[in-house]
Amino acid sequence: MKNMAATVEISVPDTLLKAIGTEPAELPRQTLAALIIQAFRKGQLTHAQVGELLDLNRFETDAFLKDAQAFRLCESEEFVADLDSLRRIAK
């Protein structure tokens, strides 16, 4: 992980820890990953920035975002538009 500019302390109820199956020691990394995923979905972070923040290479970043189902709305819209174009061309 990169140098941190801010530290956030939160209290997590035992019921939540049990529900998500997480050990307390894993929470900082999982919380950071969740924030990064949200920022990526909103277009606030690029693919490269996600990898840099989590110290992942390009392929690991692809796998991380895929596992998190972190797709940007604009990418989905562009995909649908491209698919429509391909269907028109194929006719």
PDB file of N, CA and C in Angstrom:
ATOM      1  N   MET A   1       0.831  -1.173   0.000  1.00  0.00           N
ATOM      2  CA  MET A   1       0.000   0.000   0.000  1.00  0.00           C
ATOM      3  C   MET A   1       0.882   1.244   0.000  1.00  0.00           C
ATOM      4  N   LYS A   2       0.392   2.286  -0.618  1.00  0.00           N
ATOM      5  CA  LYS A   2       1.130   3.543  -0.707  1.00  0.00           C
ATOM      6  C   LYS A   2       1.049   4.301   0.622  1.00  0.00           C
ATOM      7  N   ASN A   3       1.826   5.395   0.721  1.00  0.00           N
ATOM      8  CA  ASN A   3       1.754   6.249   1.904  1.00  0.00           C
ATOM      9  C   ASN A   3       0.349   6.810   2.028  1.00  0.00           C
ATOM     10  N   MET A   4      -0.142   6.856   3.238  1.00  0.00           N
ATOM     11  CA  MET A   4      -1.503   7.304   3.485  1.00  0.00           C
ATOM     12  C   MET A   4      -1.513   8.767   3.904  1.00  0.00           C
ATOM     13  N   ALA A   5      -2.385   9.555   3.270  1.00  0.00           N
ATOM     14  CA  ALA A   5      -2.512  10.966   3.590  1.00  0.00           C
ATOM     15  C   ALA A   5      -3.497  11.188   4.728  1.00  0.00           C
ATOM     16  N   ALA A   6      -4.385  10.210   4.959  1.00  0.00           N
ATOM     17  CA  ALA A   6      -5.387  10.342   6.017  1.00  0.00           C
ATOM     18  C   ALA A   6      -5.593   8.986   6.675  1.00  0.00           C
ATOM     19  N   THR A   7      -5.883   9.045   7.952  1.00  0.00           N
ATOM     20  CA  THR A   7      -6.221   7.842   8.692  1.00  0.00           C
ATOM     21  C   THR A   7      -7.627   8.012   9.222  1.00  0.00           C
ATOM     22  N   VAL A   8      -8.455   6.992   9.008  1.00  0.00           N
ATOM     23  CA  VAL A   8      -9.837   7.035   9.459  1.00  0.00           C
ATOM     24  C   VAL A   8     -10.055   5.889  10.425  1.00  0.00           C
ATOM     25  N   GLU A   9     -10.644   6.187  11.555  1.00  0.00           N
ATOM     26  CA  GLU A   9     -10.927   5.144  12.537  1.00  0.00           C
ATOM     27  C   GLU A   9     -12.433   4.967  12.632  1.00  0.00           C
ATOM     28  N   ILE A  10     -12.882   3.723  12.499  1.00  0.00           N
ATOM     29  CA  ILE A  10     -14.309   3.425  12.607  1.00  0.00           C
ATOM     30  C   ILE A  10     -14.513   2.243  13.547  1.00  0.00           C
ATOM     31  N   SER A  11     -15.677   2.194  14.131  1.00  0.00           N
ATOM     32  CA  SER A  11     -16.055   1.051  14.952  1.00  0.00           C
ATOM     33  C   SER A  11     -16.979   0.169  14.130  1.00  0.00           C
ATOM     34  N   VAL A  12     -16.660  -1.112  14.086  1.00  0.00           N
ATOM     35  CA  VAL A  12     -17.443  -2.060  13.300  1.00  0.00           C
ATOM     36  C   VAL A  12     -18.076  -3.067  14.250  1.00  0.00           C
ATOM     37  N   PRO A  13     -19.399  -3.178  14.212  1.00  0.00           N
ATOM     38  CA  PRO A  13     -20.069  -4.118  15.106  1.00  0.00           C
ATOM     39  C   PRO A  13     -19.679  -5.572  14.798  1.00  0.00           C
ATOM     40  N   ASP A  14     -19.638  -6.390  15.842  1.00  0.00           N
ATOM     41  CA  ASP A  14     -19.315  -7.808  15.671  1.00  0.00           C
ATOM     42  C   ASP A  14     -20.252  -8.482  14.671  1.00  0.00           C
ATOM     43  N   THR A  15     -21.526  -8.099  14.680  1.00  0.00           N
ATOM     44  CA  THR A  15     -22.475  -8.726  13.755  1.00  0.00           C
ATOM     45  C   THR A  15     -22.088  -8.474  12.308  1.00  0.00           C
ATOM     46  N   LEU A  16     -21.555  -7.290  12.022  1.00  0.00           N
ATOM     47  CA  LEU A  16     -21.108  -6.998  10.654  1.00  0.00           C
ATOM     48  C   LEU A  16     -19.870  -7.817  10.319  1.00  0.00           C
ATOM     49  N   LEU A  17     -18.936  -7.882  11.248  1.00  0.00           N
ATOM     50  CA  LEU A  17     -17.730  -8.688  11.015  1.00  0.00           C
ATOM     51  C   LEU A  17     -18.091 -10.140  10.722  1.00  0.00           C
ATOM     52  N   LYS A  18     -19.020 -10.676  11.497  1.00  0.00           N
ATOM     53  CA  LYS A  18     -19.449 -12.058  11.281  1.00  0.00           C
ATOM     54  C   LYS A  18     -20.167 -12.202   9.939  1.00  0.00           C
ATOM     55  N   ALA A  19     -21.008 -11.227   9.609  1.00  0.00           N
ATOM     56  CA  ALA A  19     -21.778 -11.298   8.368  1.00  0.00           C
ATOM     57  C   ALA A  19     -20.877 -11.282   7.135  1.00  0.00           C
ATOM     58  N   ILE A  20     -19.821 -10.485   7.175  1.00  0.00           N
ATOM     59  CA  ILE A  20     -18.938 -10.402   6.005  1.00  0.00           C
ATOM     60  C   ILE A  20     -17.755 -11.358   6.103  1.00  0.00           C
ATOM     61  N   GLY A  21     -17.629 -12.036   7.232  1.00  0.00           N
ATOM     62  CA  GLY A  21     -16.578 -13.033   7.383  1.00  0.00           C
ATOM     63  C   GLY A  21     -15.182 -12.450   7.351  1.00  0.00           C
ATOM     64  N   THR A  22     -15.011 -11.320   7.990  1.00  0.00           N
ATOM     65  CA  THR A  22     -13.729 -10.620   7.958  1.00  0.00           C
ATOM     66  C   THR A  22     -13.095 -10.572   9.340  1.00  0.00           C
ATOM     67  N   GLU A  23     -11.802 -10.755   9.361  1.00  0.00           N
ATOM     68  CA  GLU A  23     -11.033 -10.568  10.586  1.00  0.00           C
ATOM     69  C   GLU A  23     -10.727  -9.072  10.726  1.00  0.00           C
ATOM     70  N   PRO A  24     -10.701  -8.564  11.946  1.00  0.00           N
ATOM     71  CA  PRO A  24     -10.411  -7.139  12.150  1.00  0.00           C
ATOM     72  C   PRO A  24      -9.125  -6.663  11.464  1.00  0.00           C
ATOM     73  N   ALA A  25      -8.112  -7.506  11.421  1.00  0.00           N
ATOM     74  CA  ALA A  25      -6.838  -7.113  10.797  1.00  0.00           C
ATOM     75  C   ALA A  25      -6.975  -6.884   9.296  1.00  0.00           C
ATOM     76  N   GLU A  26      -7.990  -7.469   8.677  1.00  0.00           N
ATOM     77  CA  GLU A  26      -8.204  -7.332   7.234  1.00  0.00           C
ATOM     78  C   GLU A  26      -9.000  -6.079   6.864  1.00  0.00           C
ATOM     79  N   LEU A  27      -9.637  -5.462   7.853  1.00  0.00           N
ATOM     80  CA  LEU A  27     -10.525  -4.329   7.575  1.00  0.00           C
ATOM     81  C   LEU A  27      -9.867  -3.129   6.891  1.00  0.00           C
ATOM     82  N   PRO A  28      -8.679  -2.695   7.302  1.00  0.00           N
ATOM     83  CA  PRO A  28      -8.110  -1.526   6.620  1.00  0.00           C
ATOM     84  C   PRO A  28      -7.942  -1.740   5.118  1.00  0.00           C
ATOM     85  N   ARG A  29      -7.413  -2.875   4.717  1.00  0.00           N
ATOM     86  CA  ARG A  29      -7.213  -3.149   3.282  1.00  0.00           C
ATOM     87  C   ARG A  29      -8.557  -3.276   2.565  1.00  0.00           C
ATOM     88  N   GLN A  30      -9.517  -3.973   3.174  1.00  0.00           N
ATOM     89  CA  GLN A  30     -10.823  -4.152   2.542  1.00  0.00           C
ATOM     90  C   GLN A  30     -11.575  -2.825   2.439  1.00  0.00           C
ATOM     91  N   THR A  31     -11.441  -1.988   3.452  1.00  0.00           N
ATOM     92  CA  THR A  31     -12.102  -0.683   3.424  1.00  0.00           C
ATOM     93  C   THR A  31     -11.493   0.196   2.341  1.00  0.00           C
ATOM     94  N   LEU A  32     -10.172   0.200   2.257  1.00  0.00           N
ATOM     95  CA  LEU A  32      -9.500   0.963   1.214  1.00  0.00           C
ATOM     96  C   LEU A  32      -9.926   0.459  -0.164  1.00  0.00           C
ATOM     97  N   ALA A  33      -9.973  -0.844  -0.341  1.00  0.00           N
ATOM     98  CA  ALA A  33     -10.386  -1.415  -1.625  1.00  0.00           C
ATOM     99  C   ALA A  33     -11.808  -0.990  -1.978  1.00  0.00           C
ATOM    100  N   ALA A  34     -12.702  -0.992  -0.997  1.00  0.00           N
ATOM    101  CA  ALA A  34     -14.092  -0.591  -1.246  1.00  0.00           C
ATOM    102  C   ALA A  34     -14.174   0.878  -1.669  1.00  0.00           C
ATOM    103  N   LEU A  35     -13.393   1.734  -1.030  1.00  0.00           N
ATOM    104  CA  LEU A  35     -13.367   3.154  -1.412  1.00  0.00           C
ATOM    105  C   LEU A  35     -12.820   3.334  -2.829  1.00  0.00           C
ATOM    106  N   ILE A  36     -11.790   2.585  -3.148  1.00  0.00           N
ATOM    107  CA  ILE A  36     -11.186   2.662  -4.475  1.00  0.00           C
ATOM    108  C   ILE A  36     -12.175   2.183  -5.532  1.00  0.00           C
ATOM    109  N   ILE A  37     -12.883   1.107  -5.261  1.00  0.00           N
ATOM    110  CA  ILE A  37     -13.882   0.586  -6.203  1.00  0.00           C
ATOM    111  C   ILE A  37     -14.955   1.641  -6.463  1.00  0.00           C
ATOM    112  N   GLN A  38     -15.462   2.254  -5.398  1.00  0.00           N
ATOM    113  CA  GLN A  38     -16.502   3.283  -5.564  1.00  0.00           C
ATOM    114  C   GLN A  38     -15.983   4.469  -6.380  1.00  0.00           C
ATOM    115  N   ALA A  39     -14.772   4.903  -6.081  1.00  0.00           N
ATOM    116  CA  ALA A  39     -14.198   6.034  -6.816  1.00  0.00           C
ATOM    117  C   ALA A  39     -14.000   5.677  -8.282  1.00  0.00           C
ATOM    118  N   PHE A  40     -13.610   4.444  -8.571  1.00  0.00           N
ATOM    119  CA  PHE A  40     -13.439   4.012  -9.959  1.00  0.00           C
ATOM    120  C   PHE A  40     -14.784   4.004 -10.681  1.00  0.00           C
ATOM    121  N   ARG A  41     -15.812   3.450 -10.038  1.00  0.00           N
ATOM    122  CA  ARG A  41     -17.153   3.407 -10.651  1.00  0.00           C
ATOM    123  C   ARG A  41     -17.677   4.792 -10.970  1.00  0.00           C
ATOM    124  N   LYS A  42     -17.355   5.763 -10.119  1.00  0.00           N
ATOM    125  CA  LYS A  42     -17.820   7.138 -10.321  1.00  0.00           C
ATOM    126  C   LYS A  42     -16.964   7.906 -11.322  1.00  0.00           C
ATOM    127  N   GLY A  43     -15.877   7.288 -11.789  1.00  0.00           N
ATOM    128  CA  GLY A  43     -14.993   7.965 -12.727  1.00  0.00           C
ATOM    129  C   GLY A  43     -13.998   8.891 -12.061  1.00  0.00           C
ATOM    130  N   GLN A  44     -13.847   8.762 -10.749  1.00  0.00           N
ATOM    131  CA  GLN A  44     -12.926   9.617 -10.013  1.00  0.00           C
ATOM    132  C   GLN A  44     -11.497   9.085 -10.038  1.00  0.00           C
ATOM    133  N   LEU A  45     -11.346   7.806 -10.349  1.00  0.00           N
ATOM    134  CA  LEU A  45     -10.027   7.181 -10.473  1.00  0.00           C
ATOM    135  C   LEU A  45      -9.936   6.452 -11.804  1.00  0.00           C
ATOM    136  N   THR A  46      -8.756   6.450 -12.380  1.00  0.00           N
ATOM    137  CA  THR A  46      -8.515   5.690 -13.598  1.00  0.00           C
ATOM    138  C   THR A  46      -8.078   4.276 -13.236  1.00  0.00           C
ATOM    139  N   HIS A  47      -8.053   3.429 -14.233  1.00  0.00           N
ATOM    140  CA  HIS A  47      -7.557   2.059 -14.065  1.00  0.00           C
ATOM    141  C   HIS A  47      -6.138   2.089 -13.517  1.00  0.00           C
ATOM    142  N   ALA A  48      -5.310   2.945 -14.082  1.00  0.00           N
ATOM    143  CA  ALA A  48      -3.912   3.045 -13.647  1.00  0.00           C
ATOM    144  C   ALA A  48      -3.805   3.494 -12.191  1.00  0.00           C
ATOM    145  N   GLN A  49      -4.644   4.428 -11.792  1.00  0.00           N
ATOM    146  CA  GLN A  49      -4.619   4.902 -10.411  1.00  0.00           C
ATOM    147  C   GLN A  49      -5.042   3.798  -9.435  1.00  0.00           C
ATOM    148  N   VAL A  50      -6.024   2.996  -9.828  1.00  0.00           N
ATOM    149  CA  VAL A  50      -6.446   1.867  -8.990  1.00  0.00           C
ATOM    150  C   VAL A  50      -5.252   0.944  -8.754  1.00  0.00           C
ATOM    151  N   GLY A  51      -4.566   0.589  -9.828  1.00  0.00           N
ATOM    152  CA  GLY A  51      -3.402  -0.284  -9.709  1.00  0.00           C
ATOM    153  C   GLY A  51      -2.316   0.318  -8.846  1.00  0.00           C
ATOM    154  N   GLU A  52      -2.072   1.600  -9.036  1.00  0.00           N
ATOM    155  CA  GLU A  52      -1.027   2.270  -8.255  1.00  0.00           C
ATOM    156  C   GLU A  52      -1.376   2.292  -6.768  1.00  0.00           C
ATOM    157  N   LEU A  53      -2.619   2.611  -6.445  1.00  0.00           N
ATOM    158  CA  LEU A  53      -3.031   2.686  -5.046  1.00  0.00           C
ATOM    159  C   LEU A  53      -2.958   1.342  -4.339  1.00  0.00           C
ATOM    160  N   LEU A  54      -3.243   0.274  -5.081  1.00  0.00           N
ATOM    161  CA  LEU A  54      -3.238  -1.060  -4.481  1.00  0.00           C
ATOM    162  C   LEU A  54      -1.958  -1.842  -4.768  1.00  0.00           C
ATOM    163  N   ASP A  55      -1.018  -1.175  -5.451  1.00  0.00           N
ATOM    164  CA  ASP A  55       0.263  -1.795  -5.799  1.00  0.00           C
ATOM    165  C   ASP A  55       0.053  -3.071  -6.617  1.00  0.00           C
ATOM    166  N   LEU A  56      -0.789  -2.953  -7.657  1.00  0.00           N
ATOM    167  CA  LEU A  56      -1.097  -4.067  -8.549  1.00  0.00           C
ATOM    168  C   LEU A  56      -0.588  -3.764  -9.952  1.00  0.00           C
ATOM    169  N   ASN A  57      -0.220  -4.807 -10.704  1.00  0.00           N
ATOM    170  CA  ASN A  57       0.121  -4.586 -12.110  1.00  0.00           C
ATOM    171  C   ASN A  57      -1.172  -4.511 -12.916  1.00  0.00           C
ATOM    172  N   ARG A  58      -1.044  -4.276 -14.207  1.00  0.00           N
ATOM    173  CA  ARG A  58      -2.231  -4.084 -15.055  1.00  0.00           C
ATOM    174  C   ARG A  58      -3.172  -5.292 -15.007  1.00  0.00           C
ATOM    175  N   PHE A  59      -2.620  -6.483 -15.079  1.00  0.00           N
ATOM    176  CA  PHE A  59      -3.448  -7.690 -15.108  1.00  0.00           C
ATOM    177  C   PHE A  59      -4.106  -7.950 -13.756  1.00  0.00           C
ATOM    178  N   GLU A  60      -3.371  -7.691 -12.682  1.00  0.00           N
ATOM    179  CA  GLU A  60      -3.943  -7.830 -11.343  1.00  0.00           C
ATOM    180  C   GLU A  60      -5.052  -6.801 -11.124  1.00  0.00           C
ATOM    181  N   THR A  61      -4.848  -5.597 -11.662  1.00  0.00           N
ATOM    182  CA  THR A  61      -5.869  -4.559 -11.552  1.00  0.00           C
ATOM    183  C   THR A  61      -7.122  -4.963 -12.318  1.00  0.00           C
ATOM    184  N   ASP A  62      -6.936  -5.498 -13.527  1.00  0.00           N
ATOM    185  CA  ASP A  62      -8.080  -6.001 -14.296  1.00  0.00           C
ATOM    186  C   ASP A  62      -8.854  -7.045 -13.496  1.00  0.00           C
ATOM    187  N   ALA A  63      -8.143  -7.993 -12.907  1.00  0.00           N
ATOM    188  CA  ALA A  63      -8.780  -9.060 -12.138  1.00  0.00           C
ATOM    189  C   ALA A  63      -9.483  -8.494 -10.900  1.00  0.00           C
ATOM    190  N   PHE A  64      -8.834  -7.549 -10.221  1.00  0.00           N
ATOM    191  CA  PHE A  64      -9.425  -6.924  -9.040  1.00  0.00           C
ATOM    192  C   PHE A  64     -10.745  -6.238  -9.394  1.00  0.00           C
ATOM    193  N   LEU A  65     -10.742  -5.442 -10.458  1.00  0.00           N
ATOM    194  CA  LEU A  65     -11.945  -4.717 -10.855  1.00  0.00           C
ATOM    195  C   LEU A  65     -13.032  -5.669 -11.354  1.00  0.00           C
ATOM    196  N   LYS A  66     -12.629  -6.718 -12.055  1.00  0.00           N
ATOM    197  CA  LYS A  66     -13.598  -7.701 -12.532  1.00  0.00           C
ATOM    198  C   LYS A  66     -14.236  -8.427 -11.349  1.00  0.00           C
ATOM    199  N   ASP A  67     -13.428  -8.867 -10.402  1.00  0.00           N
ATOM    200  CA  ASP A  67     -13.943  -9.563  -9.218  1.00  0.00           C
ATOM    201  C   ASP A  67     -14.911  -8.680  -8.428  1.00  0.00           C
ATOM    202  N   ALA A  68     -14.631  -7.382  -8.413  1.00  0.00           N
ATOM    203  CA  ALA A  68     -15.473  -6.430  -7.686  1.00  0.00           C
ATOM    204  C   ALA A  68     -16.669  -5.980  -8.516  1.00  0.00           C
ATOM    205  N   GLN A  69     -16.754  -6.462  -9.754  1.00  0.00           N
ATOM    206  CA  GLN A  69     -17.799  -6.032 -10.686  1.00  0.00           C
ATOM    207  C   GLN A  69     -17.841  -4.504 -10.764  1.00  0.00           C
ATOM    208  N   ALA A  70     -16.656  -3.922 -10.838  1.00  0.00           N
ATOM    209  CA  ALA A  70     -16.512  -2.465 -10.860  1.00  0.00           C
ATOM    210  C   ALA A  70     -16.478  -1.983 -12.301  1.00  0.00           C
ATOM    211  N   PHE A  71     -17.651  -1.729 -12.825  1.00  0.00           N
ATOM    212  CA  PHE A  71     -17.781  -1.242 -14.187  1.00  0.00           C
ATOM    213  C   PHE A  71     -18.336   0.165 -14.140  1.00  0.00           C
ATOM    214  N   ARG A  72     -17.852   0.992 -14.994  1.00  0.00           N
ATOM    215  CA  ARG A  72     -18.356   2.357 -15.059  1.00  0.00           C
ATOM    216  C   ARG A  72     -19.606   2.401 -15.923  1.00  0.00           C
ATOM    217  N   LEU A  73     -20.553   3.212 -15.527  1.00  0.00           N
ATOM    218  CA  LEU A  73     -21.798   3.349 -16.267  1.00  0.00           C
ATOM    219  C   LEU A  73     -21.519   3.761 -17.708  1.00  0.00           C
ATOM    220  N   CYS A  74     -20.605   4.713 -17.896  1.00  0.00           N
ATOM    221  CA  CYS A  74     -20.318   5.176 -19.257  1.00  0.00           C
ATOM    222  C   CYS A  74     -19.736   4.045 -20.092  1.00  0.00           C
ATOM    223  N   GLU A  75     -18.928   3.173 -19.482  1.00  0.00           N
ATOM    224  CA  GLU A  75     -18.378   2.044 -20.223  1.00  0.00           C
ATOM    225  C   GLU A  75     -19.498   1.105 -20.653  1.00  0.00           C
ATOM    226  N   SER A  76     -20.467   0.892 -19.782  1.00  0.00           N
ATOM    227  CA  SER A  76     -21.597   0.029 -20.113  1.00  0.00           C
ATOM    228  C   SER A  76     -22.410   0.644 -21.244  1.00  0.00           C
ATOM    229  N   GLU A  77     -22.650   1.943 -21.170  1.00  0.00           N
ATOM    230  CA  GLU A  77     -23.406   2.633 -22.218  1.00  0.00           C
ATOM    231  C   GLU A  77     -22.652   2.591 -23.545  1.00  0.00           C
ATOM    232  N   GLU A  78     -21.341   2.794 -23.491  1.00  0.00           N
ATOM    233  CA  GLU A  78     -20.528   2.732 -24.706  1.00  0.00           C
ATOM    234  C   GLU A  78     -20.560   1.330 -25.293  1.00  0.00           C
ATOM    235  N   PHE A  79     -20.512   0.322 -24.435  1.00  0.00           N
ATOM    236  CA  PHE A  79     -20.558  -1.059 -24.890  1.00  0.00           C
ATOM    237  C   PHE A  79     -21.867  -1.336 -25.617  1.00  0.00           C
ATOM    238  N   VAL A  80     -22.981  -0.903 -25.041  1.00  0.00           N
ATOM    239  CA  VAL A  80     -24.293  -1.117 -25.668  1.00  0.00           C
ATOM    240  C   VAL A  80     -24.348  -0.399 -27.008  1.00  0.00           C
ATOM    241  N   ALA A  81     -23.848   0.819 -27.074  1.00  0.00           N
ATOM    242  CA  ALA A  81     -23.844   1.566 -28.335  1.00  0.00           C
ATOM    243  C   ALA A  81     -22.978   0.862 -29.378  1.00  0.00           C
ATOM    244  N   ASP A  82     -21.813   0.384 -28.965  1.00  0.00           N
ATOM    245  CA  ASP A  82     -20.935  -0.344 -29.889  1.00  0.00           C
ATOM    246  C   ASP A  82     -21.595  -1.633 -30.362  1.00  0.00           C
ATOM    247  N   LEU A  83     -22.261  -2.331 -29.460  1.00  0.00           N
ATOM    248  CA  LEU A  83     -22.948  -3.568 -29.815  1.00  0.00           C
ATOM    249  C   LEU A  83     -24.068  -3.292 -30.813  1.00  0.00           C
ATOM    250  N   ASP A  84     -24.814  -2.229 -30.596  1.00  0.00           N
ATOM    251  CA  ASP A  84     -25.878  -1.840 -31.546  1.00  0.00           C
ATOM    252  C   ASP A  84     -25.280  -1.537 -32.918  1.00  0.00           C
ATOM    253  N   SER A  85     -24.161  -0.838 -32.931  1.00  0.00           N
ATOM    254  CA  SER A  85     -23.502  -0.520 -34.201  1.00  0.00           C
ATOM    255  C   SER A  85     -23.055  -1.782 -34.911  1.00  0.00           C
ATOM    256  N   LEU A  86     -22.481  -2.703 -34.193  1.00  0.00           N
ATOM    257  CA  LEU A  86     -22.038  -3.961 -34.796  1.00  0.00           C
ATOM    258  C   LEU A  86     -23.222  -4.770 -35.341  1.00  0.00           C
ATOM    259  N   ARG A  87     -24.309  -4.735 -34.640  1.00  0.00           N
ATOM    260  CA  ARG A  87     -25.502  -5.465 -35.124  1.00  0.00           C
ATOM    261  C   ARG A  87     -26.027  -4.856 -36.417  1.00  0.00           C
ATOM    262  N   ARG A  88     -25.998  -3.523 -36.498  1.00  0.00           N
ATOM    263  CA  ARG A  88     -26.448  -2.854 -37.738  1.00  0.00           C
ATOM    264  C   ARG A  88     -25.527  -3.197 -38.901  1.00  0.00           C
ATOM    265  N   ILE A  89     -24.223  -3.227 -38.627  1.00  0.00           N
ATOM    266  CA  ILE A  89     -23.243  -3.531 -39.666  1.00  0.00           C
ATOM    267  C   ILE A  89     -23.398  -4.981 -40.150  1.00  0.00           C
ATOM    268  N   ALA A  90     -23.689  -5.879 -39.225  1.00  0.00           N
ATOM    269  CA  ALA A  90     -23.776  -7.305 -39.544  1.00  0.00           C
ATOM    270  C   ALA A  90     -25.002  -7.643 -40.393  1.00  0.00           C
ATOM    271  N   LYS A  91     -25.984  -6.768 -40.422  1.00  0.00           N
ATOM    272  CA  LYS A  91     -27.216  -7.072 -41.191  1.00  0.00           C
ATOM    273  C   LYS A  91     -27.007  -6.927 -42.667  1.00  0.00           C
TER     274      LYS A  91
END
